[in-house]
Amino acid sequence: MPPRKRADAVRNEQTLLAAAAEVFVRSGVDAPIREIAAEAGVGMGTIYRHFPTRADLVVAVYRHQVEACAEAGPALLSTEDSPFAALRRWIDLFVDFLVTKHGLAGAMQSDSSGFASLHAYFLDRLGPVCGSLLEAAAEAGEIRDDVRPFELMRGIGNLCIGRDDDPRYDPRRLISLLLDGLSVQR
């Protein structure tokens, strides 16, 4: 069993992962490590001490964002005005995650089995959260009751493809239209 990290080391790692995610959203997973270090307020050596390779950092950011997205679902259900509002906010976080995830395949191309296990982790962790949000919104009479989590997540993922190729394309606008189409209160 690996030794437990000190609380401050865990906080520092979480800060570094959040900074890396911000940089990845802004500049892609090929962003310079010095840009991530500057965002996190640490030296480049600190990043390499925690994550010896770029792939290690990308995978850690991926897992960190999956967990943040998974934890956000129940929190949003308890704080938003309605389940549909919680679903919309969660989808926005999910899109942020997908933008970061976009470059993962390239960063991990040498380890297809690792990528497959991360994809399974993603589905196992986020599918039930999406399902809970959909179920709550359907039970509240806010959305159709025939929407399946995998289909919605896959559809949103497909809408996010191509964002980098054309500055005229705004996937969030189309995702908003998709969510409007789920609503029974048009």
N, C-alpha and C. Protein backbone atom coordinates (compact mmCIF):
# COMPACT_ATOMS: atom_id res chain seq x y z
N MET A 1 0.84 -1.17 0.00
CA MET A 1 0.00 0.00 0.00
C MET A 1 0.89 1.24 0.00
N PRO A 2 0.66 2.19 -0.95
CA PRO A 2 1.51 3.37 -1.01
C PRO A 2 1.30 4.25 0.22
N PRO A 3 2.36 4.96 0.63
CA PRO A 3 2.22 5.83 1.80
C PRO A 3 1.23 6.96 1.52
N ARG A 4 0.52 7.37 2.57
CA ARG A 4 -0.44 8.47 2.43
C ARG A 4 0.30 9.78 2.26
N LYS A 5 -0.24 10.62 1.40
CA LYS A 5 0.35 11.94 1.19
C LYS A 5 -0.11 12.87 2.29
N ARG A 6 0.75 13.81 2.64
CA ARG A 6 0.37 14.84 3.61
C ARG A 6 -0.74 15.69 3.02
N ALA A 7 -1.53 16.29 3.87
CA ALA A 7 -2.67 17.11 3.42
C ALA A 7 -2.21 18.26 2.53
N ASP A 8 -1.09 18.89 2.88
CA ASP A 8 -0.61 20.01 2.07
C ASP A 8 -0.11 19.52 0.71
N ALA A 9 0.45 18.32 0.65
CA ALA A 9 0.89 17.77 -0.63
C ALA A 9 -0.31 17.46 -1.52
N VAL A 10 -1.38 16.96 -0.92
CA VAL A 10 -2.60 16.69 -1.68
C VAL A 10 -3.19 18.00 -2.20
N ARG A 11 -3.24 19.03 -1.35
CA ARG A 11 -3.74 20.35 -1.79
C ARG A 11 -2.89 20.90 -2.93
N ASN A 12 -1.58 20.79 -2.80
CA ASN A 12 -0.69 21.29 -3.85
C ASN A 12 -0.92 20.54 -5.16
N GLU A 13 -1.08 19.25 -5.07
CA GLU A 13 -1.33 18.46 -6.28
C GLU A 13 -2.67 18.84 -6.90
N GLN A 14 -3.70 19.05 -6.08
CA GLN A 14 -5.01 19.45 -6.59
C GLN A 14 -4.94 20.83 -7.26
N THR A 15 -4.18 21.74 -6.67
CA THR A 15 -3.99 23.07 -7.27
C THR A 15 -3.29 22.94 -8.62
N LEU A 16 -2.27 22.09 -8.67
CA LEU A 16 -1.53 21.88 -9.91
C LEU A 16 -2.44 21.27 -10.98
N LEU A 17 -3.27 20.30 -10.60
CA LEU A 17 -4.17 19.66 -11.56
C LEU A 17 -5.22 20.64 -12.07
N ALA A 18 -5.74 21.47 -11.18
CA ALA A 18 -6.72 22.48 -11.60
C ALA A 18 -6.08 23.48 -12.56
N ALA A 19 -4.85 23.89 -12.27
CA ALA A 19 -4.14 24.82 -13.16
C ALA A 19 -3.87 24.17 -14.51
N ALA A 20 -3.44 22.91 -14.50
CA ALA A 20 -3.18 22.21 -15.76
C ALA A 20 -4.46 22.09 -16.57
N ALA A 21 -5.57 21.81 -15.91
CA ALA A 21 -6.85 21.71 -16.63
C ALA A 21 -7.20 23.05 -17.28
N GLU A 22 -7.01 24.14 -16.56
CA GLU A 22 -7.28 25.47 -17.13
C GLU A 22 -6.42 25.72 -18.37
N VAL A 23 -5.15 25.39 -18.27
CA VAL A 23 -4.25 25.59 -19.40
C VAL A 23 -4.64 24.67 -20.55
N PHE A 24 -5.00 23.43 -20.27
CA PHE A 24 -5.40 22.51 -21.32
C PHE A 24 -6.65 23.00 -22.04
N VAL A 25 -7.60 23.56 -21.30
CA VAL A 25 -8.81 24.10 -21.93
C VAL A 25 -8.43 25.27 -22.83
N ARG A 26 -7.56 26.11 -22.35
CA ARG A 26 -7.17 27.31 -23.08
C ARG A 26 -6.23 27.01 -24.25
N SER A 27 -5.25 26.12 -24.03
CA SER A 27 -4.17 25.95 -25.00
C SER A 27 -3.99 24.53 -25.51
N GLY A 28 -4.79 23.58 -25.03
CA GLY A 28 -4.66 22.19 -25.45
C GLY A 28 -3.65 21.44 -24.61
N VAL A 29 -3.65 20.11 -24.73
CA VAL A 29 -2.77 19.28 -23.90
C VAL A 29 -1.30 19.37 -24.30
N ASP A 30 -1.02 19.99 -25.41
CA ASP A 30 0.37 20.18 -25.81
C ASP A 30 0.95 21.50 -25.31
N ALA A 31 0.21 22.19 -24.45
CA ALA A 31 0.69 23.47 -23.91
C ALA A 31 2.03 23.26 -23.21
N PRO A 32 2.88 24.26 -23.27
CA PRO A 32 4.18 24.14 -22.60
C PRO A 32 4.03 23.94 -21.09
N ILE A 33 4.87 23.10 -20.53
CA ILE A 33 4.85 22.84 -19.09
C ILE A 33 5.09 24.14 -18.32
N ARG A 34 5.90 25.04 -18.87
CA ARG A 34 6.15 26.31 -18.18
C ARG A 34 4.88 27.14 -18.04
N GLU A 35 3.95 27.01 -19.01
CA GLU A 35 2.67 27.72 -18.92
C GLU A 35 1.83 27.15 -17.76
N ILE A 36 1.87 25.83 -17.61
CA ILE A 36 1.14 25.18 -16.52
C ILE A 36 1.77 25.57 -15.19
N ALA A 37 3.09 25.57 -15.12
CA ALA A 37 3.78 25.95 -13.89
C ALA A 37 3.44 27.39 -13.50
N ALA A 38 3.42 28.29 -14.47
CA ALA A 38 3.08 29.68 -14.19
C ALA A 38 1.65 29.80 -13.68
N GLU A 39 0.73 29.08 -14.30
CA GLU A 39 -0.69 29.10 -13.87
C GLU A 39 -0.83 28.59 -12.44
N ALA A 40 -0.05 27.55 -12.10
CA ALA A 40 -0.13 26.94 -10.77
C ALA A 40 0.69 27.70 -9.74
N GLY A 41 1.58 28.57 -10.21
CA GLY A 41 2.45 29.29 -9.28
C GLY A 41 3.53 28.41 -8.68
N VAL A 42 4.01 27.45 -9.47
CA VAL A 42 5.06 26.54 -9.01
C VAL A 42 6.16 26.49 -10.06
N GLY A 43 7.29 25.90 -9.70
CA GLY A 43 8.36 25.70 -10.65
C GLY A 43 8.09 24.47 -11.51
N MET A 44 8.75 24.41 -12.65
CA MET A 44 8.57 23.26 -13.54
C MET A 44 9.02 21.96 -12.87
N GLY A 45 10.03 22.04 -12.01
CA GLY A 45 10.50 20.85 -11.29
C GLY A 45 9.41 20.23 -10.43
N THR A 46 8.55 21.07 -9.86
CA THR A 46 7.45 20.57 -9.04
C THR A 46 6.51 19.73 -9.88
N ILE A 47 6.23 20.20 -11.07
CA ILE A 47 5.34 19.44 -11.96
C ILE A 47 5.99 18.10 -12.30
N TYR A 48 7.26 18.13 -12.69
CA TYR A 48 7.93 16.88 -13.07
C TYR A 48 8.11 15.93 -11.88
N ARG A 49 8.20 16.47 -10.68
CA ARG A 49 8.31 15.62 -9.49
C ARG A 49 7.01 14.84 -9.28
N HIS A 50 5.88 15.49 -9.52
CA HIS A 50 4.58 14.83 -9.36
C HIS A 50 4.22 13.98 -10.59
N PHE A 51 4.58 14.50 -11.77
CA PHE A 51 4.17 13.87 -13.03
C PHE A 51 5.37 13.82 -13.96
N PRO A 52 6.12 12.71 -13.95
CA PRO A 52 7.35 12.62 -14.73
C PRO A 52 7.18 12.80 -16.24
N THR A 53 6.01 12.44 -16.78
CA THR A 53 5.79 12.59 -18.22
C THR A 53 4.52 13.40 -18.47
N ARG A 54 4.42 13.94 -19.65
CA ARG A 54 3.20 14.68 -20.04
C ARG A 54 1.98 13.76 -19.95
N ALA A 55 2.15 12.51 -20.39
CA ALA A 55 1.03 11.56 -20.33
C ALA A 55 0.56 11.36 -18.89
N ASP A 56 1.50 11.29 -17.94
CA ASP A 56 1.13 11.16 -16.53
C ASP A 56 0.29 12.35 -16.08
N LEU A 57 0.69 13.54 -16.49
CA LEU A 57 -0.05 14.75 -16.13
C LEU A 57 -1.42 14.77 -16.78
N VAL A 58 -1.49 14.42 -18.05
CA VAL A 58 -2.77 14.43 -18.76
C VAL A 58 -3.74 13.43 -18.13
N VAL A 59 -3.25 12.23 -17.83
CA VAL A 59 -4.10 11.22 -17.20
C VAL A 59 -4.58 11.69 -15.83
N ALA A 60 -3.68 12.30 -15.05
CA ALA A 60 -4.07 12.80 -13.73
C ALA A 60 -5.11 13.90 -13.84
N VAL A 61 -4.96 14.80 -14.81
CA VAL A 61 -5.96 15.86 -15.02
C VAL A 61 -7.28 15.23 -15.43
N TYR A 62 -7.22 14.25 -16.30
CA TYR A 62 -8.42 13.54 -16.76
C TYR A 62 -9.18 12.95 -15.57
N ARG A 63 -8.47 12.20 -14.74
CA ARG A 63 -9.10 11.58 -13.57
C ARG A 63 -9.62 12.64 -12.59
N HIS A 64 -8.84 13.68 -12.40
CA HIS A 64 -9.24 14.79 -11.50
C HIS A 64 -10.54 15.42 -12.00
N GLN A 65 -10.63 15.64 -13.30
CA GLN A 65 -11.84 16.26 -13.84
C GLN A 65 -13.03 15.32 -13.83
N VAL A 66 -12.79 14.04 -14.05
CA VAL A 66 -13.90 13.08 -13.95
C VAL A 66 -14.46 13.12 -12.53
N GLU A 67 -13.58 13.10 -11.55
CA GLU A 67 -14.04 13.13 -10.16
C GLU A 67 -14.76 14.44 -9.83
N ALA A 68 -14.23 15.55 -10.29
CA ALA A 68 -14.89 16.84 -10.03
C ALA A 68 -16.26 16.88 -10.69
N CYS A 69 -16.37 16.38 -11.89
CA CYS A 69 -17.64 16.36 -12.61
C CYS A 69 -18.63 15.42 -11.91
N ALA A 70 -18.15 14.28 -11.45
CA ALA A 70 -19.01 13.32 -10.75
C ALA A 70 -19.51 13.91 -9.43
N GLU A 71 -18.64 14.55 -8.70
CA GLU A 71 -19.04 15.14 -7.42
C GLU A 71 -19.96 16.34 -7.59
N ALA A 72 -19.85 17.01 -8.71
CA ALA A 72 -20.67 18.21 -8.94
C ALA A 72 -22.15 17.87 -9.13
N GLY A 73 -22.46 16.71 -9.69
CA GLY A 73 -23.85 16.35 -9.96
C GLY A 73 -24.74 16.44 -8.73
N PRO A 74 -24.45 15.67 -7.68
CA PRO A 74 -25.29 15.73 -6.48
C PRO A 74 -25.27 17.11 -5.82
N ALA A 75 -24.13 17.77 -5.84
CA ALA A 75 -24.05 19.11 -5.25
C ALA A 75 -24.96 20.08 -5.99
N LEU A 76 -24.95 20.02 -7.30
CA LEU A 76 -25.81 20.91 -8.09
C LEU A 76 -27.28 20.61 -7.87
N LEU A 77 -27.62 19.34 -7.73
CA LEU A 77 -29.02 18.98 -7.46
C LEU A 77 -29.51 19.59 -6.15
N SER A 78 -28.61 19.70 -5.19
CA SER A 78 -29.03 20.23 -3.89
C SER A 78 -28.99 21.76 -3.83
N THR A 79 -28.32 22.41 -4.78
CA THR A 79 -28.19 23.88 -4.69
C THR A 79 -28.90 24.66 -5.78
N GLU A 80 -29.17 24.05 -6.91
CA GLU A 80 -29.81 24.78 -8.00
C GLU A 80 -31.31 24.91 -7.77
N ASP A 81 -31.93 25.84 -8.47
CA ASP A 81 -33.37 26.09 -8.32
C ASP A 81 -34.23 24.93 -8.79
N SER A 82 -33.75 24.16 -9.74
CA SER A 82 -34.52 23.05 -10.28
C SER A 82 -33.57 21.97 -10.77
N PRO A 83 -34.07 20.73 -10.89
CA PRO A 83 -33.21 19.67 -11.43
C PRO A 83 -32.73 19.96 -12.85
N PHE A 84 -33.57 20.61 -13.67
CA PHE A 84 -33.15 20.93 -15.03
C PHE A 84 -32.03 21.97 -15.02
N ALA A 85 -32.12 22.94 -14.11
CA ALA A 85 -31.03 23.93 -13.97
C ALA A 85 -29.74 23.22 -13.53
N ALA A 86 -29.87 22.24 -12.63
CA ALA A 86 -28.70 21.47 -12.20
C ALA A 86 -28.12 20.69 -13.38
N LEU A 87 -28.99 20.10 -14.20
CA LEU A 87 -28.52 19.37 -15.38
C LEU A 87 -27.78 20.30 -16.33
N ARG A 88 -28.33 21.46 -16.58
CA ARG A 88 -27.67 22.44 -17.48
C ARG A 88 -26.28 22.81 -16.94
N ARG A 89 -26.19 23.10 -15.67
CA ARG A 89 -24.89 23.47 -15.09
C ARG A 89 -23.91 22.30 -15.16
N TRP A 90 -24.42 21.09 -14.91
CA TRP A 90 -23.55 19.92 -14.97
C TRP A 90 -23.06 19.70 -16.39
N ILE A 91 -23.93 19.86 -17.36
CA ILE A 91 -23.54 19.71 -18.77
C ILE A 91 -22.44 20.71 -19.12
N ASP A 92 -22.53 21.92 -18.59
CA ASP A 92 -21.50 22.92 -18.83
C ASP A 92 -20.15 22.44 -18.30
N LEU A 93 -20.14 21.86 -17.11
CA LEU A 93 -18.90 21.29 -16.55
C LEU A 93 -18.41 20.11 -17.39
N PHE A 94 -19.35 19.31 -17.84
CA PHE A 94 -19.03 18.16 -18.68
C PHE A 94 -18.37 18.61 -19.99
N VAL A 95 -18.87 19.69 -20.56
CA VAL A 95 -18.28 20.22 -21.80
C VAL A 95 -16.85 20.70 -21.52
N ASP A 96 -16.64 21.40 -20.40
CA ASP A 96 -15.28 21.81 -20.04
C ASP A 96 -14.37 20.60 -19.97
N PHE A 97 -14.87 19.53 -19.36
CA PHE A 97 -14.10 18.30 -19.27
C PHE A 97 -13.79 17.74 -20.66
N LEU A 98 -14.80 17.73 -21.52
CA LEU A 98 -14.59 17.18 -22.87
C LEU A 98 -13.56 17.97 -23.65
N VAL A 99 -13.53 19.28 -23.45
CA VAL A 99 -12.54 20.11 -24.13
C VAL A 99 -11.13 19.70 -23.69
N THR A 100 -10.96 19.44 -22.40
CA THR A 100 -9.66 19.00 -21.90
C THR A 100 -9.34 17.61 -22.41
N LYS A 101 -10.33 16.73 -22.42
CA LYS A 101 -10.15 15.34 -22.83
C LYS A 101 -9.78 15.23 -24.30
N HIS A 102 -10.15 16.23 -25.08
CA HIS A 102 -9.97 16.19 -26.53
C HIS A 102 -8.56 15.75 -26.94
N GLY A 103 -7.55 16.25 -26.27
CA GLY A 103 -6.17 15.92 -26.66
C GLY A 103 -5.61 14.68 -25.99
N LEU A 104 -6.42 14.02 -25.16
CA LEU A 104 -5.91 12.87 -24.43
C LEU A 104 -5.45 11.75 -25.34
N ALA A 105 -6.20 11.46 -26.37
CA ALA A 105 -5.85 10.35 -27.26
C ALA A 105 -4.45 10.55 -27.86
N GLY A 106 -4.16 11.76 -28.29
CA GLY A 106 -2.85 12.04 -28.85
C GLY A 106 -1.75 11.90 -27.83
N ALA A 107 -2.01 12.35 -26.61
CA ALA A 107 -1.00 12.28 -25.56
C ALA A 107 -0.75 10.85 -25.11
N MET A 108 -1.73 9.98 -25.32
CA MET A 108 -1.60 8.60 -24.86
C MET A 108 -1.55 7.59 -25.99
N GLN A 109 -1.26 8.02 -27.20
CA GLN A 109 -1.35 7.13 -28.35
C GLN A 109 -0.50 5.88 -28.21
N SER A 110 0.53 5.91 -27.41
CA SER A 110 1.37 4.73 -27.26
C SER A 110 0.78 3.71 -26.28
N ASP A 111 -0.29 4.05 -25.61
CA ASP A 111 -0.87 3.14 -24.61
C ASP A 111 -2.37 3.02 -24.81
N SER A 112 -2.80 2.29 -25.85
CA SER A 112 -4.22 2.21 -26.15
C SER A 112 -4.99 1.47 -25.06
N SER A 113 -4.36 0.52 -24.36
CA SER A 113 -5.07 -0.17 -23.27
C SER A 113 -5.33 0.79 -22.12
N GLY A 114 -4.38 1.68 -21.86
CA GLY A 114 -4.58 2.69 -20.81
C GLY A 114 -5.70 3.64 -21.16
N PHE A 115 -5.78 4.01 -22.43
CA PHE A 115 -6.85 4.90 -22.87
C PHE A 115 -8.20 4.20 -22.74
N ALA A 116 -8.27 2.92 -23.11
CA ALA A 116 -9.52 2.16 -23.01
C ALA A 116 -9.98 2.07 -21.56
N SER A 117 -9.06 1.84 -20.64
CA SER A 117 -9.46 1.75 -19.23
C SER A 117 -9.91 3.11 -18.70
N LEU A 118 -9.30 4.19 -19.17
CA LEU A 118 -9.75 5.52 -18.75
C LEU A 118 -11.14 5.83 -19.30
N HIS A 119 -11.41 5.39 -20.53
CA HIS A 119 -12.73 5.62 -21.10
C HIS A 119 -13.80 4.85 -20.32
N ALA A 120 -13.49 3.62 -19.92
CA ALA A 120 -14.42 2.82 -19.12
C ALA A 120 -14.64 3.50 -17.76
N TYR A 121 -13.58 4.01 -17.17
CA TYR A 121 -13.67 4.74 -15.89
C TYR A 121 -14.59 5.95 -16.05
N PHE A 122 -14.40 6.70 -17.12
CA PHE A 122 -15.21 7.87 -17.45
C PHE A 122 -16.70 7.49 -17.51
N LEU A 123 -17.02 6.45 -18.26
CA LEU A 123 -18.42 6.03 -18.41
C LEU A 123 -18.99 5.51 -17.09
N ASP A 124 -18.22 4.70 -16.38
CA ASP A 124 -18.69 4.14 -15.11
C ASP A 124 -18.93 5.22 -14.07
N ARG A 125 -18.14 6.25 -14.09
CA ARG A 125 -18.23 7.30 -13.07
C ARG A 125 -19.26 8.36 -13.44
N LEU A 126 -19.31 8.78 -14.70
CA LEU A 126 -20.17 9.90 -15.08
C LEU A 126 -21.56 9.47 -15.57
N GLY A 127 -21.69 8.28 -16.12
CA GLY A 127 -22.99 7.82 -16.58
C GLY A 127 -24.06 7.84 -15.49
N PRO A 128 -23.77 7.27 -14.31
CA PRO A 128 -24.77 7.30 -13.25
C PRO A 128 -25.11 8.72 -12.76
N VAL A 129 -24.13 9.60 -12.76
CA VAL A 129 -24.39 10.98 -12.33
C VAL A 129 -25.33 11.65 -13.33
N CYS A 130 -25.03 11.50 -14.61
CA CYS A 130 -25.91 12.06 -15.64
C CYS A 130 -27.30 11.44 -15.52
N GLY A 131 -27.36 10.14 -15.27
CA GLY A 131 -28.64 9.46 -15.11
C GLY A 131 -29.45 10.01 -13.95
N SER A 132 -28.80 10.28 -12.84
CA SER A 132 -29.48 10.85 -11.67
C SER A 132 -30.05 12.23 -11.97
N LEU A 133 -29.28 13.04 -12.68
CA LEU A 133 -29.74 14.38 -13.04
C LEU A 133 -30.93 14.29 -14.01
N LEU A 134 -30.82 13.42 -14.99
CA LEU A 134 -31.93 13.25 -15.94
C LEU A 134 -33.18 12.74 -15.24
N GLU A 135 -33.01 11.76 -14.36
CA GLU A 135 -34.15 11.20 -13.64
C GLU A 135 -34.83 12.26 -12.77
N ALA A 136 -34.04 13.06 -12.07
CA ALA A 136 -34.61 14.11 -11.21
C ALA A 136 -35.38 15.14 -12.04
N ALA A 137 -34.81 15.54 -13.19
CA ALA A 137 -35.47 16.52 -14.05
C ALA A 137 -36.75 15.93 -14.66
N ALA A 138 -36.73 14.65 -15.01
CA ALA A 138 -37.92 13.99 -15.56
C ALA A 138 -39.00 13.87 -14.49
N GLU A 139 -38.59 13.47 -13.28
CA GLU A 139 -39.57 13.35 -12.20
C GLU A 139 -40.20 14.69 -11.83
N ALA A 140 -39.45 15.76 -12.02
CA ALA A 140 -39.98 17.11 -11.75
C ALA A 140 -40.85 17.60 -12.90
N GLY A 141 -40.93 16.80 -13.97
CA GLY A 141 -41.75 17.19 -15.12
C GLY A 141 -41.11 18.25 -15.99
N GLU A 142 -39.79 18.40 -15.89
CA GLU A 142 -39.09 19.45 -16.64
C GLU A 142 -38.57 18.99 -17.99
N ILE A 143 -38.29 17.69 -18.10
CA ILE A 143 -37.77 17.16 -19.37
C ILE A 143 -38.49 15.87 -19.71
N ARG A 144 -38.31 15.45 -20.94
CA ARG A 144 -38.84 14.16 -21.39
C ARG A 144 -38.27 13.06 -20.50
N ASP A 145 -38.98 11.98 -20.40
CA ASP A 145 -38.51 10.89 -19.54
C ASP A 145 -37.83 9.75 -20.30
N ASP A 146 -37.58 9.95 -21.59
CA ASP A 146 -36.99 8.88 -22.40
C ASP A 146 -35.54 9.15 -22.80
N VAL A 147 -34.89 10.06 -22.12
CA VAL A 147 -33.50 10.40 -22.45
C VAL A 147 -32.58 9.48 -21.66
N ARG A 148 -31.65 8.83 -22.37
CA ARG A 148 -30.71 7.92 -21.73
C ARG A 148 -29.37 8.63 -21.54
N PRO A 149 -28.75 8.42 -20.39
CA PRO A 149 -27.50 9.12 -20.09
C PRO A 149 -26.41 8.93 -21.15
N PHE A 150 -26.18 7.70 -21.58
CA PHE A 150 -25.12 7.45 -22.55
C PHE A 150 -25.37 8.21 -23.84
N GLU A 151 -26.62 8.20 -24.31
CA GLU A 151 -26.94 8.90 -25.55
C GLU A 151 -26.71 10.40 -25.42
N LEU A 152 -27.14 10.98 -24.30
CA LEU A 152 -26.94 12.42 -24.10
C LEU A 152 -25.45 12.75 -24.02
N MET A 153 -24.70 11.99 -23.24
CA MET A 153 -23.27 12.25 -23.10
C MET A 153 -22.56 12.07 -24.44
N ARG A 154 -22.92 11.05 -25.18
CA ARG A 154 -22.29 10.81 -26.48
C ARG A 154 -22.65 11.92 -27.46
N GLY A 155 -23.92 12.33 -27.47
CA GLY A 155 -24.36 13.41 -28.35
C GLY A 155 -23.62 14.70 -28.05
N ILE A 156 -23.48 15.02 -26.77
CA ILE A 156 -22.75 16.23 -26.39
C ILE A 156 -21.29 16.11 -26.81
N GLY A 157 -20.72 14.94 -26.60
CA GLY A 157 -19.34 14.71 -27.03
C GLY A 157 -19.17 14.92 -28.52
N ASN A 158 -20.12 14.41 -29.30
CA ASN A 158 -20.05 14.58 -30.75
C ASN A 158 -20.20 16.04 -31.14
N LEU A 159 -21.03 16.78 -30.43
CA LEU A 159 -21.18 18.21 -30.75
C LEU A 159 -19.89 18.99 -30.44
N CYS A 160 -19.10 18.49 -29.51
CA CYS A 160 -17.85 19.18 -29.15
C CYS A 160 -16.73 18.93 -30.15
N ILE A 161 -16.87 17.89 -30.97
CA ILE A 161 -15.83 17.60 -31.96
C ILE A 161 -15.80 18.72 -33.00
N GLY A 162 -14.62 19.13 -33.36
CA GLY A 162 -14.48 20.16 -34.39
C GLY A 162 -14.42 21.58 -33.85
N ARG A 163 -14.51 21.73 -32.55
CA ARG A 163 -14.46 23.06 -31.95
C ARG A 163 -13.16 23.78 -32.30
N ASP A 164 -12.08 23.03 -32.33
CA ASP A 164 -10.78 23.65 -32.58
C ASP A 164 -10.54 23.96 -34.05
N ASP A 165 -11.28 23.30 -34.94
CA ASP A 165 -11.03 23.44 -36.37
C ASP A 165 -11.63 24.69 -37.00
N ASP A 166 -12.66 25.25 -36.37
CA ASP A 166 -13.37 26.37 -36.98
C ASP A 166 -13.85 27.34 -35.90
N PRO A 167 -13.28 28.52 -35.86
CA PRO A 167 -13.66 29.48 -34.82
C PRO A 167 -15.13 29.93 -34.91
N ARG A 168 -15.76 29.68 -36.03
CA ARG A 168 -17.18 30.04 -36.18
C ARG A 168 -18.10 29.04 -35.49
N TYR A 169 -17.56 27.88 -35.14
CA TYR A 169 -18.37 26.82 -34.55
C TYR A 169 -18.39 26.95 -33.03
N ASP A 170 -19.59 27.01 -32.46
CA ASP A 170 -19.76 27.11 -31.02
C ASP A 170 -20.59 25.93 -30.52
N PRO A 171 -19.94 24.90 -30.01
CA PRO A 171 -20.70 23.73 -29.57
C PRO A 171 -21.65 24.04 -28.43
N ARG A 172 -21.31 24.99 -27.57
CA ARG A 172 -22.19 25.31 -26.44
C ARG A 172 -23.55 25.82 -26.92
N ARG A 173 -23.56 26.53 -28.02
CA ARG A 173 -24.84 27.01 -28.57
C ARG A 173 -25.70 25.83 -29.01
N LEU A 174 -25.09 24.87 -29.69
CA LEU A 174 -25.85 23.70 -30.13
C LEU A 174 -26.27 22.82 -28.95
N ILE A 175 -25.42 22.74 -27.95
CA ILE A 175 -25.78 21.96 -26.76
C ILE A 175 -26.95 22.62 -26.04
N SER A 176 -26.98 23.93 -26.00
CA SER A 176 -28.11 24.65 -25.41
C SER A 176 -29.40 24.35 -26.18
N LEU A 177 -29.30 24.33 -27.51
CA LEU A 177 -30.46 23.97 -28.34
C LEU A 177 -30.91 22.53 -28.06
N LEU A 178 -29.94 21.63 -27.91
CA LEU A 178 -30.26 20.24 -27.59
C LEU A 178 -31.00 20.16 -26.26
N LEU A 179 -30.50 20.84 -25.25
CA LEU A 179 -31.15 20.81 -23.94
C LEU A 179 -32.53 21.46 -23.99
N ASP A 180 -32.67 22.53 -24.77
CA ASP A 180 -33.99 23.14 -24.93
C ASP A 180 -34.97 22.12 -25.53
N GLY A 181 -34.46 21.30 -26.44
CA GLY A 181 -35.31 20.28 -27.07
C GLY A 181 -35.74 19.18 -26.10
N LEU A 182 -35.01 18.97 -25.03
CA LEU A 182 -35.39 17.98 -24.02
C LEU A 182 -36.50 18.49 -23.11
N SER A 183 -36.59 19.81 -23.01
CA SER A 183 -37.53 20.44 -22.09
C SER A 183 -38.97 20.21 -22.53
N VAL A 184 -39.83 19.92 -21.56
CA VAL A 184 -41.25 19.79 -21.85
C VAL A 184 -41.95 21.14 -21.72
N GLN A 185 -41.24 22.15 -21.23
CA GLN A 185 -41.82 23.48 -21.01
C GLN A 185 -41.32 24.45 -22.06
N ARG A 186 -41.55 24.17 -23.31
CA ARG A 186 -41.05 25.03 -24.39
C ARG A 186 -41.90 26.23 -24.59
